[in-house]
Amino acid sequence: MKLLIIEDDVPFATTLSRRMTKLNFDCQCVHDELDIAAQCQTFLPQYVLLDMKLTASSGLQHIALIRGIVPDAKIVLLTGFASIATAVEAIKLGADEYLTKPADTQLIAKTLLGTQAVVSETADTTMSPERLEWEHIQQTLKSNDGNISETARQLNMHRRTLQRKLQKRPVLK
């Protein structure tokens, strides 16, 4: 089961890839929009997880391209900015499903494989509070284009505390 993950958030994509591999998916990640076509042509995925908000464009713009290269692939659009309008537009453009972040691994796998699929409940472990904090800090930092001061304000945290947390290695689970 070949799964192409198109996500510009590298830590999130890496974590998701690792978890989906535990569920027997053969995963490849694309972090740059310019590599989507080439990766689709070489990897020929059966499933595609496509992030809605990529670095320089919307994931919606890439659905037709992906559908043209791998017409039978199941395309699932993942977004942290959910709205009914974008869900309808994604389906009209050719996406098969639409999920909002945060979506756990079990939900993603069931969406990719269909509701009839049985997904092992032991394959996915709950993230620790430290890992959840790390992921939240990274997502907030990314939404502020790396601005430490603005991120600290949004997180209601002192700037130096945030800097110390960022210097630590991320917790894996």
C-alpha atoms as a PDB file:
ATOM      1  CA  MET A   1       0.000   0.000   0.000  1.00  0.00           C
ATOM      2  CA  LYS A   2       1.898   3.002  -1.295  1.00  0.00           C
ATOM      3  CA  LEU A   3       1.145   6.264   0.514  1.00  0.00           C
ATOM      4  CA  LEU A   4       2.434   9.658  -0.629  1.00  0.00           C
ATOM      5  CA  ILE A   5       2.357  12.304   2.111  1.00  0.00           C
ATOM      6  CA  ILE A   6       2.458  15.849   0.718  1.00  0.00           C
ATOM      7  CA  GLU A   7       3.128  18.052   3.733  1.00  0.00           C
ATOM      8  CA  ASP A   8       5.454  21.034   4.140  1.00  0.00           C
ATOM      9  CA  ASP A   9       5.624  20.617   7.932  1.00  0.00           C
ATOM     10  CA  VAL A  10       8.603  18.243   8.075  1.00  0.00           C
ATOM     11  CA  PRO A  11       8.270  17.116  11.743  1.00  0.00           C
ATOM     12  CA  PHE A  12       4.557  16.374  11.267  1.00  0.00           C
ATOM     13  CA  ALA A  13       5.166  14.520   7.989  1.00  0.00           C
ATOM     14  CA  THR A  14       7.967  12.457   9.555  1.00  0.00           C
ATOM     15  CA  THR A  15       5.823  11.498  12.531  1.00  0.00           C
ATOM     16  CA  LEU A  16       2.860  10.645  10.320  1.00  0.00           C
ATOM     17  CA  SER A  17       5.042   8.598   7.970  1.00  0.00           C
ATOM     18  CA  ARG A  18       6.512   6.632  10.871  1.00  0.00           C
ATOM     19  CA  ARG A  19       3.049   5.888  12.272  1.00  0.00           C
ATOM     20  CA  MET A  20       1.552   4.928   8.910  1.00  0.00           C
ATOM     21  CA  THR A  21       4.532   2.624   8.246  1.00  0.00           C
ATOM     22  CA  LYS A  22       3.584   0.759  11.438  1.00  0.00           C
ATOM     23  CA  LEU A  23       0.189   0.189   9.797  1.00  0.00           C
ATOM     24  CA  ASN A  24       1.887  -1.463   6.780  1.00  0.00           C
ATOM     25  CA  PHE A  25       1.896   1.545   4.441  1.00  0.00           C
ATOM     26  CA  ASP A  26       4.948   2.136   2.238  1.00  0.00           C
ATOM     27  CA  CYS A  27       5.375   5.899   2.763  1.00  0.00           C
ATOM     28  CA  GLN A  28       7.134   8.627   0.810  1.00  0.00           C
ATOM     29  CA  CYS A  29       7.039  12.307   1.802  1.00  0.00           C
ATOM     30  CA  VAL A  30       7.081  15.420  -0.356  1.00  0.00           C
ATOM     31  CA  HIS A  31       7.835  18.717   1.382  1.00  0.00           C
ATOM     32  CA  ASP A  32       8.132  20.978  -1.663  1.00  0.00           C
ATOM     33  CA  GLU A  33       5.297  21.628  -4.112  1.00  0.00           C
ATOM     34  CA  LEU A  34       7.733  21.541  -7.043  1.00  0.00           C
ATOM     35  CA  ASP A  35       8.454  17.851  -6.363  1.00  0.00           C
ATOM     36  CA  ILE A  36       4.835  16.626  -6.345  1.00  0.00           C
ATOM     37  CA  ALA A  37       4.592  15.638 -10.027  1.00  0.00           C
ATOM     38  CA  ALA A  38       7.977  13.905 -10.112  1.00  0.00           C
ATOM     39  CA  GLN A  39       7.289  11.966  -6.921  1.00  0.00           C
ATOM     40  CA  CYS A  40       3.840  10.890  -8.160  1.00  0.00           C
ATOM     41  CA  GLN A  41       5.344   9.649 -11.440  1.00  0.00           C
ATOM     42  CA  THR A  42       8.184   7.694  -9.833  1.00  0.00           C
ATOM     43  CA  PHE A  43       6.393   6.358  -6.725  1.00  0.00           C
ATOM     44  CA  LEU A  44       2.901   5.796  -8.269  1.00  0.00           C
ATOM     45  CA  PRO A  45       1.036   5.908  -4.942  1.00  0.00           C
ATOM     46  CA  GLN A  46      -2.266   4.190  -4.282  1.00  0.00           C
ATOM     47  CA  TYR A  47      -3.070   6.747  -1.577  1.00  0.00           C
ATOM     48  CA  VAL A  48      -2.225  10.440  -1.250  1.00  0.00           C
ATOM     49  CA  LEU A  49      -2.462  12.590   1.887  1.00  0.00           C
ATOM     50  CA  LEU A  50      -2.380  16.189   0.707  1.00  0.00           C
ATOM     51  CA  ASP A  51      -2.013  19.154   3.045  1.00  0.00           C
ATOM     52  CA  MET A  52      -4.344  22.042   2.276  1.00  0.00           C
ATOM     53  CA  LYS A  53      -1.914  24.845   3.140  1.00  0.00           C
ATOM     54  CA  LEU A  54       1.472  24.274   1.568  1.00  0.00           C
ATOM     55  CA  THR A  55       4.362  26.738   1.659  1.00  0.00           C
ATOM     56  CA  ALA A  56       3.646  28.624  -1.568  1.00  0.00           C
ATOM     57  CA  SER A  57       0.260  27.316  -2.662  1.00  0.00           C
ATOM     58  CA  SER A  58      -2.964  25.603  -1.736  1.00  0.00           C
ATOM     59  CA  GLY A  59      -3.202  21.842  -1.884  1.00  0.00           C
ATOM     60  CA  LEU A  60      -6.389  22.344  -3.888  1.00  0.00           C
ATOM     61  CA  GLN A  61      -4.257  23.516  -6.814  1.00  0.00           C
ATOM     62  CA  HIS A  62      -2.475  20.151  -6.965  1.00  0.00           C
ATOM     63  CA  ILE A  63      -5.461  17.774  -6.922  1.00  0.00           C
ATOM     64  CA  ALA A  64      -5.948  17.807 -10.721  1.00  0.00           C
ATOM     65  CA  LEU A  65      -2.216  17.235 -11.302  1.00  0.00           C
ATOM     66  CA  ILE A  66      -2.151  14.261  -8.936  1.00  0.00           C
ATOM     67  CA  ARG A  67      -5.381  12.866 -10.395  1.00  0.00           C
ATOM     68  CA  GLY A  68      -3.880  13.159 -13.902  1.00  0.00           C
ATOM     69  CA  ILE A  69      -0.773  11.167 -12.967  1.00  0.00           C
ATOM     70  CA  VAL A  70      -2.375   8.545 -10.701  1.00  0.00           C
ATOM     71  CA  PRO A  71      -6.087   8.526 -11.603  1.00  0.00           C
ATOM     72  CA  ASP A  72      -6.983   5.599  -9.331  1.00  0.00           C
ATOM     73  CA  ALA A  73      -5.229   6.922  -6.210  1.00  0.00           C
ATOM     74  CA  LYS A  74      -7.373   7.807  -3.227  1.00  0.00           C
ATOM     75  CA  ILE A  75      -6.697  11.461  -2.403  1.00  0.00           C
ATOM     76  CA  VAL A  76      -7.394  12.693   1.123  1.00  0.00           C
ATOM     77  CA  LEU A  77      -7.029  16.399   1.840  1.00  0.00           C
ATOM     78  CA  LEU A  78      -5.789  17.262   5.353  1.00  0.00           C
ATOM     79  CA  THR A  79      -6.322  20.749   6.712  1.00  0.00           C
ATOM     80  CA  GLY A  80      -6.001  22.741   9.882  1.00  0.00           C
ATOM     81  CA  PHE A  81      -8.237  25.418   8.337  1.00  0.00           C
ATOM     82  CA  ALA A  82     -11.493  23.566   7.825  1.00  0.00           C
ATOM     83  CA  SER A  83     -14.560  25.075   6.237  1.00  0.00           C
ATOM     84  CA  ILE A  84     -17.545  23.699   4.390  1.00  0.00           C
ATOM     85  CA  ALA A  85     -16.625  25.737   1.317  1.00  0.00           C
ATOM     86  CA  THR A  86     -13.136  24.242   1.026  1.00  0.00           C
ATOM     87  CA  ALA A  87     -14.477  20.734   1.673  1.00  0.00           C
ATOM     88  CA  VAL A  88     -16.974  21.104  -1.164  1.00  0.00           C
ATOM     89  CA  GLU A  89     -14.335  22.609  -3.456  1.00  0.00           C
ATOM     90  CA  ALA A  90     -11.870  19.799  -2.673  1.00  0.00           C
ATOM     91  CA  ILE A  91     -14.435  17.132  -3.540  1.00  0.00           C
ATOM     92  CA  LYS A  92     -15.422  18.973  -6.741  1.00  0.00           C
ATOM     93  CA  LEU A  93     -11.751  19.151  -7.775  1.00  0.00           C
ATOM     94  CA  GLY A  94     -11.340  15.393  -7.352  1.00  0.00           C
ATOM     95  CA  ALA A  95     -10.367  14.684  -3.740  1.00  0.00           C
ATOM     96  CA  ASP A  96     -11.971  11.551  -2.318  1.00  0.00           C
ATOM     97  CA  GLU A  97     -12.053  12.617   1.327  1.00  0.00           C
ATOM     98  CA  TYR A  98     -11.451  15.663   3.519  1.00  0.00           C
ATOM     99  CA  LEU A  99     -10.078  15.486   7.083  1.00  0.00           C
ATOM    100  CA  THR A 100      -9.371  18.230   9.579  1.00  0.00           C
ATOM    101  CA  LYS A 101      -6.223  18.350  11.692  1.00  0.00           C
ATOM    102  CA  PRO A 102      -5.555  17.090  14.218  1.00  0.00           C
ATOM    103  CA  ALA A 103      -6.587  13.707  12.825  1.00  0.00           C
ATOM    104  CA  ASP A 104      -5.233  10.672  14.611  1.00  0.00           C
ATOM    105  CA  THR A 105      -3.516   7.848  12.784  1.00  0.00           C
ATOM    106  CA  GLN A 106      -6.458   5.480  13.213  1.00  0.00           C
ATOM    107  CA  LEU A 107      -8.872   7.921  11.565  1.00  0.00           C
ATOM    108  CA  ILE A 108      -6.459   8.602   8.694  1.00  0.00           C
ATOM    109  CA  ALA A 109      -5.920   4.880   8.078  1.00  0.00           C
ATOM    110  CA  LYS A 110      -9.648   4.132   8.188  1.00  0.00           C
ATOM    111  CA  THR A 111     -10.318   7.014   5.794  1.00  0.00           C
ATOM    112  CA  LEU A 112      -7.646   5.815   3.367  1.00  0.00           C
ATOM    113  CA  LEU A 113      -8.681   2.166   3.462  1.00  0.00           C
ATOM    114  CA  GLY A 114     -12.432   2.711   3.754  1.00  0.00           C
ATOM    115  CA  THR A 115     -14.745   2.100   6.664  1.00  0.00           C
ATOM    116  CA  GLN A 116     -14.721  -1.681   6.111  1.00  0.00           C
ATOM    117  CA  ALA A 117     -11.006  -1.842   6.941  1.00  0.00           C
ATOM    118  CA  VAL A 118      -9.918  -3.157  10.309  1.00  0.00           C
ATOM    119  CA  VAL A 119      -7.016  -1.187  11.727  1.00  0.00           C
ATOM    120  CA  SER A 120      -4.994  -2.634  14.567  1.00  0.00           C
ATOM    121  CA  GLU A 121      -5.687  -0.639  17.725  1.00  0.00           C
ATOM    122  CA  THR A 122      -2.275  -1.454  19.192  1.00  0.00           C
ATOM    123  CA  ALA A 123      -0.325   0.036  16.304  1.00  0.00           C
ATOM    124  CA  ASP A 124      -0.996   3.619  17.387  1.00  0.00           C
ATOM    125  CA  THR A 125       0.095   4.934  20.754  1.00  0.00           C
ATOM    126  CA  THR A 126      -1.126   8.076  22.412  1.00  0.00           C
ATOM    127  CA  MET A 127       1.313  10.974  22.277  1.00  0.00           C
ATOM    128  CA  SER A 128       2.812  12.079  25.542  1.00  0.00           C
ATOM    129  CA  PRO A 129       1.954  15.561  26.862  1.00  0.00           C
ATOM    130  CA  GLU A 130       5.554  16.612  26.139  1.00  0.00           C
ATOM    131  CA  ARG A 131       5.254  15.526  22.493  1.00  0.00           C
ATOM    132  CA  LEU A 132       1.888  17.277  22.148  1.00  0.00           C
ATOM    133  CA  GLU A 133       3.434  20.451  23.549  1.00  0.00           C
ATOM    134  CA  TRP A 134       6.367  20.161  21.123  1.00  0.00           C
ATOM    135  CA  GLU A 135       4.026  19.691  18.131  1.00  0.00           C
ATOM    136  CA  HIS A 136       1.866  22.652  19.216  1.00  0.00           C
ATOM    137  CA  ILE A 137       4.910  24.906  19.659  1.00  0.00           C
ATOM    138  CA  GLN A 138       6.235  23.907  16.221  1.00  0.00           C
ATOM    139  CA  GLN A 139       2.890  24.545  14.526  1.00  0.00           C
ATOM    140  CA  THR A 140       2.514  27.961  16.206  1.00  0.00           C
ATOM    141  CA  LEU A 141       6.101  28.877  15.327  1.00  0.00           C
ATOM    142  CA  LYS A 142       5.491  27.902  11.706  1.00  0.00           C
ATOM    143  CA  SER A 143       2.284  29.959  11.515  1.00  0.00           C
ATOM    144  CA  ASN A 144       4.313  32.959  12.728  1.00  0.00           C
ATOM    145  CA  ASP A 145       7.026  32.412  10.092  1.00  0.00           C
ATOM    146  CA  GLY A 146       9.631  31.571  12.741  1.00  0.00           C
ATOM    147  CA  ASN A 147       9.061  34.739  14.798  1.00  0.00           C
ATOM    148  CA  ILE A 148       9.997  33.685  18.359  1.00  0.00           C
ATOM    149  CA  SER A 149       8.601  36.783  20.076  1.00  0.00           C
ATOM    150  CA  GLU A 150       5.181  36.566  18.409  1.00  0.00           C
ATOM    151  CA  THR A 151       5.017  32.816  19.026  1.00  0.00           C
ATOM    152  CA  ALA A 152       5.838  33.325  22.721  1.00  0.00           C
ATOM    153  CA  ARG A 153       3.070  35.954  22.967  1.00  0.00           C
ATOM    154  CA  GLN A 154       0.535  33.625  21.355  1.00  0.00           C
ATOM    155  CA  LEU A 155       1.541  30.770  23.635  1.00  0.00           C
ATOM    156  CA  ASN A 156       1.432  33.057  26.681  1.00  0.00           C
ATOM    157  CA  MET A 157       5.027  32.095  27.428  1.00  0.00           C
ATOM    158  CA  HIS A 158       8.166  34.096  28.140  1.00  0.00           C
ATOM    159  CA  ARG A 159      10.395  34.378  25.068  1.00  0.00           C
ATOM    160  CA  ARG A 160      13.414  32.848  26.846  1.00  0.00           C
ATOM    161  CA  THR A 161      11.344  29.913  28.063  1.00  0.00           C
ATOM    162  CA  LEU A 162      10.245  29.279  24.494  1.00  0.00           C
ATOM    163  CA  GLN A 163      13.849  29.483  23.281  1.00  0.00           C
ATOM    164  CA  ARG A 164      14.916  26.909  25.887  1.00  0.00           C
ATOM    165  CA  LYS A 165      12.107  24.563  24.829  1.00  0.00           C
ATOM    166  CA  LEU A 166      13.095  24.939  21.181  1.00  0.00           C
ATOM    167  CA  GLN A 167      16.726  24.045  21.932  1.00  0.00           C
ATOM    168  CA  LYS A 168      15.688  20.677  23.406  1.00  0.00           C
ATOM    169  CA  ARG A 169      15.337  17.662  21.149  1.00  0.00           C
ATOM    170  CA  PRO A 170      11.744  16.690  20.385  1.00  0.00           C
ATOM    171  CA  VAL A 171      10.195  13.872  22.390  1.00  0.00           C
ATOM    172  CA  LEU A 172       9.536  10.938  20.036  1.00  0.00           C
ATOM    173  CA  LYS A 173       6.266   9.637  21.502  1.00  0.00           C
END
